[in-house]
């Protein structure tokens, strides 16, 4: 479910930083998920439902069906 079917954007991992004052004290692992929406789009001449990230929706990489 956490994958865009247009650009294949998927989860990414990194560090969650804990700051105490101005000194970095601790790093723990975290996971970031893309904002995936299940929308009805026009693909290959017909209307289908796809899991699309909001970046692709805003940049008009897909055409929404009415």
PDB file of N, CA and C in Angstrom:
ATOM      1  N   UNK A   1       0.824  -1.202   0.000  1.00  0.00           N
ATOM      2  CA  UNK A   1       0.000   0.000   0.000  1.00  0.00           C
ATOM      3  C   UNK A   1       0.860   1.255   0.000  1.00  0.00           C
ATOM      4  N   UNK A   2       2.061   1.196   0.506  1.00  0.00           N
ATOM      5  CA  UNK A   2       2.909   2.380   0.611  1.00  0.00           C
ATOM      6  C   UNK A   2       3.801   2.523  -0.618  1.00  0.00           C
ATOM      7  N   UNK A   3       3.216   2.468  -1.807  1.00  0.00           N
ATOM      8  CA  UNK A   3       3.980   2.630  -3.029  1.00  0.00           C
ATOM      9  C   UNK A   3       3.114   3.361  -4.057  1.00  0.00           C
ATOM     10  N   UNK A   4       3.700   4.384  -4.681  1.00  0.00           N
ATOM     11  CA  UNK A   4       3.013   5.105  -5.751  1.00  0.00           C
ATOM     12  C   UNK A   4       3.112   4.273  -7.021  1.00  0.00           C
ATOM     13  N   UNK A   5       1.989   4.060  -7.696  1.00  0.00           N
ATOM     14  CA  UNK A   5       1.978   3.247  -8.905  1.00  0.00           C
ATOM     15  C   UNK A   5       2.405   4.038 -10.140  1.00  0.00           C
ATOM     16  N   UNK A   6       2.660   5.338  -9.980  1.00  0.00           N
ATOM     17  CA  UNK A   6       3.105   6.162 -11.100  1.00  0.00           C
ATOM     18  C   UNK A   6       4.623   6.328 -11.067  1.00  0.00           C
ATOM     19  N   UNK A   7       5.161   6.751  -9.928  1.00  0.00           N
ATOM     20  CA  UNK A   7       6.596   7.032  -9.848  1.00  0.00           C
ATOM     21  C   UNK A   7       7.355   6.027  -8.985  1.00  0.00           C
ATOM     22  N   UNK A   8       6.682   5.015  -8.453  1.00  0.00           N
ATOM     23  CA  UNK A   8       7.274   3.977  -7.602  1.00  0.00           C
ATOM     24  C   UNK A   8       7.937   4.539  -6.353  1.00  0.00           C
ATOM     25  N   UNK A   9       7.435   5.666  -5.853  1.00  0.00           N
ATOM     26  CA  UNK A   9       7.955   6.206  -4.597  1.00  0.00           C
ATOM     27  C   UNK A   9       7.509   5.284  -3.463  1.00  0.00           C
ATOM     28  N   UNK A  10       8.436   4.949  -2.577  1.00  0.00           N
ATOM     29  CA  UNK A  10       8.146   4.034  -1.493  1.00  0.00           C
ATOM     30  C   UNK A  10       8.711   4.596  -0.195  1.00  0.00           C
ATOM     31  N   UNK A  11       8.646   3.835   0.868  1.00  0.00           N
ATOM     32  CA  UNK A  11       9.100   4.343   2.163  1.00  0.00           C
ATOM     33  C   UNK A  11      10.602   4.587   2.151  1.00  0.00           C
ATOM     34  N   UNK A  12      11.036   5.525   2.981  1.00  0.00           N
ATOM     35  CA  UNK A  12      12.459   5.812   3.114  1.00  0.00           C
ATOM     36  C   UNK A  12      12.804   5.828   4.598  1.00  0.00           C
ATOM     37  N   UNK A  13      14.052   5.527   4.901  1.00  0.00           N
ATOM     38  CA  UNK A  13      14.453   5.476   6.294  1.00  0.00           C
ATOM     39  C   UNK A  13      15.526   6.522   6.551  1.00  0.00           C
ATOM     40  N   UNK A  14      15.655   6.885   7.803  1.00  0.00           N
ATOM     41  CA  UNK A  14      16.643   7.878   8.183  1.00  0.00           C
ATOM     42  C   UNK A  14      16.787   7.896   9.686  1.00  0.00           C
ATOM     43  N   UNK A  15      17.321   8.970  10.203  1.00  0.00           N
ATOM     44  CA  UNK A  15      17.532   9.106  11.629  1.00  0.00           C
ATOM     45  C   UNK A  15      16.606  10.151  12.215  1.00  0.00           C
ATOM     46  N   UNK A  16      16.096   9.856  13.404  1.00  0.00           N
ATOM     47  CA  UNK A  16      15.337  10.820  14.173  1.00  0.00           C
ATOM     48  C   UNK A  16      16.312  11.406  15.180  1.00  0.00           C
ATOM     49  N   UNK A  17      16.488  12.720  15.149  1.00  0.00           N
ATOM     50  CA  UNK A  17      17.508  13.365  15.968  1.00  0.00           C
ATOM     51  C   UNK A  17      16.886  13.950  17.227  1.00  0.00           C
ATOM     52  N   UNK A  18      17.537  13.751  18.339  1.00  0.00           N
ATOM     53  CA  UNK A  18      17.097  14.280  19.615  1.00  0.00           C
ATOM     54  C   UNK A  18      18.082  15.366  20.040  1.00  0.00           C
ATOM     55  N   UNK A  19      17.599  16.604  20.148  1.00  0.00           N
ATOM     56  CA  UNK A  19      18.452  17.725  20.533  1.00  0.00           C
ATOM     57  C   UNK A  19      18.120  18.133  21.956  1.00  0.00           C
ATOM     58  N   UNK A  20      19.136  18.345  22.745  1.00  0.00           N
ATOM     59  CA  UNK A  20      18.952  18.876  24.093  1.00  0.00           C
ATOM     60  C   UNK A  20      19.735  20.181  24.149  1.00  0.00           C
ATOM     61  N   UNK A  21      19.035  21.281  24.063  1.00  0.00           N
ATOM     62  CA  UNK A  21      19.712  22.566  23.951  1.00  0.00           C
ATOM     63  C   UNK A  21      20.311  22.681  22.558  1.00  0.00           C
ATOM     64  N   UNK A  22      21.613  22.792  22.450  1.00  0.00           N
ATOM     65  CA  UNK A  22      22.275  22.852  21.148  1.00  0.00           C
ATOM     66  C   UNK A  22      23.119  21.612  20.897  1.00  0.00           C
ATOM     67  N   UNK A  23      23.068  20.645  21.815  1.00  0.00           N
ATOM     68  CA  UNK A  23      23.913  19.468  21.702  1.00  0.00           C
ATOM     69  C   UNK A  23      23.090  18.275  21.215  1.00  0.00           C
ATOM     70  N   UNK A  24      23.582  17.593  20.197  1.00  0.00           N
ATOM     71  CA  UNK A  24      22.922  16.397  19.675  1.00  0.00           C
ATOM     72  C   UNK A  24      23.177  15.250  20.642  1.00  0.00           C
ATOM     73  N   UNK A  25      22.114  14.652  21.166  1.00  0.00           N
ATOM     74  CA  UNK A  25      22.294  13.640  22.201  1.00  0.00           C
ATOM     75  C   UNK A  25      22.039  12.224  21.719  1.00  0.00           C
ATOM     76  N   UNK A  26      21.058  12.009  20.839  1.00  0.00           N
ATOM     77  CA  UNK A  26      20.697  10.640  20.490  1.00  0.00           C
ATOM     78  C   UNK A  26      20.158  10.569  19.068  1.00  0.00           C
ATOM     79  N   UNK A  27      20.454   9.484  18.380  1.00  0.00           N
ATOM     80  CA  UNK A  27      19.894   9.208  17.059  1.00  0.00           C
ATOM     81  C   UNK A  27      19.182   7.872  17.106  1.00  0.00           C
ATOM     82  N   UNK A  28      17.952   7.852  16.636  1.00  0.00           N
ATOM     83  CA  UNK A  28      17.204   6.605  16.531  1.00  0.00           C
ATOM     84  C   UNK A  28      16.674   6.488  15.111  1.00  0.00           C
ATOM     85  N   UNK A  29      16.433   5.271  14.665  1.00  0.00           N
ATOM     86  CA  UNK A  29      15.958   5.039  13.302  1.00  0.00           C
ATOM     87  C   UNK A  29      14.481   5.399  13.195  1.00  0.00           C
ATOM     88  N   UNK A  30      14.079   5.894  12.040  1.00  0.00           N
ATOM     89  CA  UNK A  30      12.679   6.189  11.777  1.00  0.00           C
ATOM     90  C   UNK A  30      12.378   5.884  10.319  1.00  0.00           C
ATOM     91  N   UNK A  31      11.107   5.763   9.995  1.00  0.00           N
ATOM     92  CA  UNK A  31      10.655   5.467   8.640  1.00  0.00           C
ATOM     93  C   UNK A  31       9.689   6.555   8.204  1.00  0.00           C
ATOM     94  N   UNK A  32       9.888   7.061   6.993  1.00  0.00           N
ATOM     95  CA  UNK A  32       8.994   8.069   6.422  1.00  0.00           C
ATOM     96  C   UNK A  32       8.218   7.425   5.279  1.00  0.00           C
ATOM     97  N   UNK A  33       6.893   7.649   5.253  1.00  0.00           N
ATOM     98  CA  UNK A  33       6.043   7.098   4.225  1.00  0.00           C
ATOM     99  C   UNK A  33       5.539   8.219   3.322  1.00  0.00           C
ATOM    100  N   UNK A  34       5.420   7.970   2.019  1.00  0.00           N
ATOM    101  CA  UNK A  34       4.855   8.983   1.130  1.00  0.00           C
ATOM    102  C   UNK A  34       3.353   9.117   1.351  1.00  0.00           C
ATOM    103  N   UNK A  35       2.823  10.260   0.976  1.00  0.00           N
ATOM    104  CA  UNK A  35       1.388  10.528   1.122  1.00  0.00           C
ATOM    105  C   UNK A  35       0.666   9.897  -0.071  1.00  0.00           C
ATOM    106  N   UNK A  36       0.159   8.682   0.128  1.00  0.00           N
ATOM    107  CA  UNK A  36      -0.476   7.909  -0.942  1.00  0.00           C
ATOM    108  C   UNK A  36      -1.980   8.078  -0.857  1.00  0.00           C
ATOM    109  N   UNK A  37      -2.599   8.404  -1.988  1.00  0.00           N
ATOM    110  CA  UNK A  37      -4.045   8.535  -2.092  1.00  0.00           C
ATOM    111  C   UNK A  37      -4.553   7.544  -3.122  1.00  0.00           C
ATOM    112  N   UNK A  38      -5.685   6.908  -2.828  1.00  0.00           N
ATOM    113  CA  UNK A  38      -6.305   5.990  -3.791  1.00  0.00           C
ATOM    114  C   UNK A  38      -7.330   6.800  -4.577  1.00  0.00           C
ATOM    115  N   UNK A  39      -7.010   7.100  -5.829  1.00  0.00           N
ATOM    116  CA  UNK A  39      -7.852   7.974  -6.648  1.00  0.00           C
ATOM    117  C   UNK A  39      -8.242   7.265  -7.939  1.00  0.00           C
ATOM    118  N   UNK A  40      -9.337   7.741  -8.510  1.00  0.00           N
ATOM    119  CA  UNK A  40      -9.791   7.233  -9.799  1.00  0.00           C
ATOM    120  C   UNK A  40      -9.149   8.078 -10.889  1.00  0.00           C
ATOM    121  N   UNK A  41      -8.385   7.439 -11.767  1.00  0.00           N
ATOM    122  CA  UNK A  41      -7.674   8.150 -12.823  1.00  0.00           C
ATOM    123  C   UNK A  41      -8.011   7.517 -14.173  1.00  0.00           C
ATOM    124  N   UNK A  42      -7.714   8.260 -15.224  1.00  0.00           N
ATOM    125  CA  UNK A  42      -7.886   7.744 -16.581  1.00  0.00           C
ATOM    126  C   UNK A  42      -6.542   7.200 -17.032  1.00  0.00           C
ATOM    127  N   UNK A  43      -6.483   5.874 -17.227  1.00  0.00           N
ATOM    128  CA  UNK A  43      -5.260   5.209 -17.662  1.00  0.00           C
ATOM    129  C   UNK A  43      -5.611   4.269 -18.808  1.00  0.00           C
ATOM    130  N   UNK A  44      -4.873   4.400 -19.897  1.00  0.00           N
ATOM    131  CA  UNK A  44      -5.074   3.572 -21.086  1.00  0.00           C
ATOM    132  C   UNK A  44      -6.492   3.694 -21.631  1.00  0.00           C
ATOM    133  N   UNK A  45      -7.060   4.901 -21.559  1.00  0.00           N
ATOM    134  CA  UNK A  45      -8.362   5.166 -22.141  1.00  0.00           C
ATOM    135  C   UNK A  45      -9.547   4.766 -21.294  1.00  0.00           C
ATOM    136  N   UNK A  46      -9.336   4.244 -20.093  1.00  0.00           N
ATOM    137  CA  UNK A  46     -10.470   3.894 -19.243  1.00  0.00           C
ATOM    138  C   UNK A  46     -10.188   4.298 -17.807  1.00  0.00           C
ATOM    139  N   UNK A  47     -11.228   4.302 -17.010  1.00  0.00           N
ATOM    140  CA  UNK A  47     -11.133   4.763 -15.638  1.00  0.00           C
ATOM    141  C   UNK A  47     -10.756   3.609 -14.713  1.00  0.00           C
ATOM    142  N   UNK A  48      -9.682   3.788 -13.948  1.00  0.00           N
ATOM    143  CA  UNK A  48      -9.250   2.788 -12.982  1.00  0.00           C
ATOM    144  C   UNK A  48      -8.844   3.477 -11.686  1.00  0.00           C
ATOM    145  N   UNK A  49      -8.739   2.701 -10.624  1.00  0.00           N
ATOM    146  CA  UNK A  49      -8.276   3.226  -9.342  1.00  0.00           C
ATOM    147  C   UNK A  49      -6.808   2.877  -9.163  1.00  0.00           C
ATOM    148  N   UNK A  50      -6.020   3.892  -8.797  1.00  0.00           N
ATOM    149  CA  UNK A  50      -4.589   3.706  -8.589  1.00  0.00           C
ATOM    150  C   UNK A  50      -4.185   4.319  -7.258  1.00  0.00           C
ATOM    151  N   UNK A  51      -3.105   3.788  -6.684  1.00  0.00           N
ATOM    152  CA  UNK A  51      -2.484   4.392  -5.513  1.00  0.00           C
ATOM    153  C   UNK A  51      -1.441   5.386  -6.017  1.00  0.00           C
ATOM    154  N   UNK A  52      -1.689   6.670  -5.799  1.00  0.00           N
ATOM    155  CA  UNK A  52      -0.856   7.731  -6.359  1.00  0.00           C
ATOM    156  C   UNK A  52      -0.418   8.654  -5.234  1.00  0.00           C
ATOM    157  N   UNK A  53       0.869   9.057  -5.249  1.00  0.00           N
ATOM    158  CA  UNK A  53       1.342  10.014  -4.242  1.00  0.00           C
ATOM    159  C   UNK A  53       0.851  11.414  -4.613  1.00  0.00           C
ATOM    160  N   UNK A  54       0.783  12.281  -3.612  1.00  0.00           N
ATOM    161  CA  UNK A  54       0.258  13.619  -3.845  1.00  0.00           C
ATOM    162  C   UNK A  54       1.195  14.461  -4.704  1.00  0.00           C
ATOM    163  N   UNK A  55       2.479  14.114  -4.752  1.00  0.00           N
ATOM    164  CA  UNK A  55       3.409  14.828  -5.625  1.00  0.00           C
ATOM    165  C   UNK A  55       3.032  14.616  -7.086  1.00  0.00           C
ATOM    166  N   UNK A  56       2.667  13.389  -7.448  1.00  0.00           N
ATOM    167  CA  UNK A  56       2.250  13.107  -8.821  1.00  0.00           C
ATOM    168  C   UNK A  56       0.904  13.757  -9.136  1.00  0.00           C
ATOM    169  N   UNK A  57       0.016  13.833  -8.159  1.00  0.00           N
ATOM    170  CA  UNK A  57      -1.274  14.494  -8.383  1.00  0.00           C
ATOM    171  C   UNK A  57      -1.090  15.984  -8.626  1.00  0.00           C
ATOM    172  N   UNK A  58      -0.223  16.634  -7.843  1.00  0.00           N
ATOM    173  CA  UNK A  58      -0.021  18.070  -7.980  1.00  0.00           C
ATOM    174  C   UNK A  58       0.727  18.434  -9.247  1.00  0.00           C
ATOM    175  N   UNK A  59       1.595  17.538  -9.729  1.00  0.00           N
ATOM    176  CA  UNK A  59       2.378  17.837 -10.932  1.00  0.00           C
ATOM    177  C   UNK A  59       1.684  17.360 -12.203  1.00  0.00           C
ATOM    178  N   UNK A  60       0.442  16.904 -12.087  1.00  0.00           N
ATOM    179  CA  UNK A  60      -0.384  16.472 -13.235  1.00  0.00           C
ATOM    180  C   UNK A  60       0.257  15.331 -14.024  1.00  0.00           C
ATOM    181  N   UNK A  61       0.885  14.398 -13.341  1.00  0.00           N
ATOM    182  CA  UNK A  61       1.393  13.212 -14.016  1.00  0.00           C
ATOM    183  C   UNK A  61       0.289  12.224 -14.340  1.00  0.00           C
ATOM    184  N   UNK A  62      -0.847  12.344 -13.656  1.00  0.00           N
ATOM    185  CA  UNK A  62      -2.020  11.522 -13.926  1.00  0.00           C
ATOM    186  C   UNK A  62      -3.204  12.431 -14.160  1.00  0.00           C
ATOM    187  N   UNK A  63      -4.209  11.925 -14.851  1.00  0.00           N
ATOM    188  CA  UNK A  63      -5.425  12.681 -15.111  1.00  0.00           C
ATOM    189  C   UNK A  63      -6.557  12.079 -14.292  1.00  0.00           C
ATOM    190  N   UNK A  64      -7.140  12.857 -13.428  1.00  0.00           N
ATOM    191  CA  UNK A  64      -8.247  12.360 -12.605  1.00  0.00           C
ATOM    192  C   UNK A  64      -9.501  12.163 -13.442  1.00  0.00           C
ATOM    193  N   UNK A  65     -10.215  11.092 -13.133  1.00  0.00           N
ATOM    194  CA  UNK A  65     -11.492  10.844 -13.783  1.00  0.00           C
ATOM    195  C   UNK A  65     -12.588  11.580 -13.018  1.00  0.00           C
ATOM    196  N   UNK A  66     -13.600  12.009 -13.728  1.00  0.00           N
ATOM    197  CA  UNK A  66     -14.691  12.760 -13.092  1.00  0.00           C
ATOM    198  C   UNK A  66     -15.800  11.891 -12.662  1.00  0.00           C
TER     199      UNK A  66
END
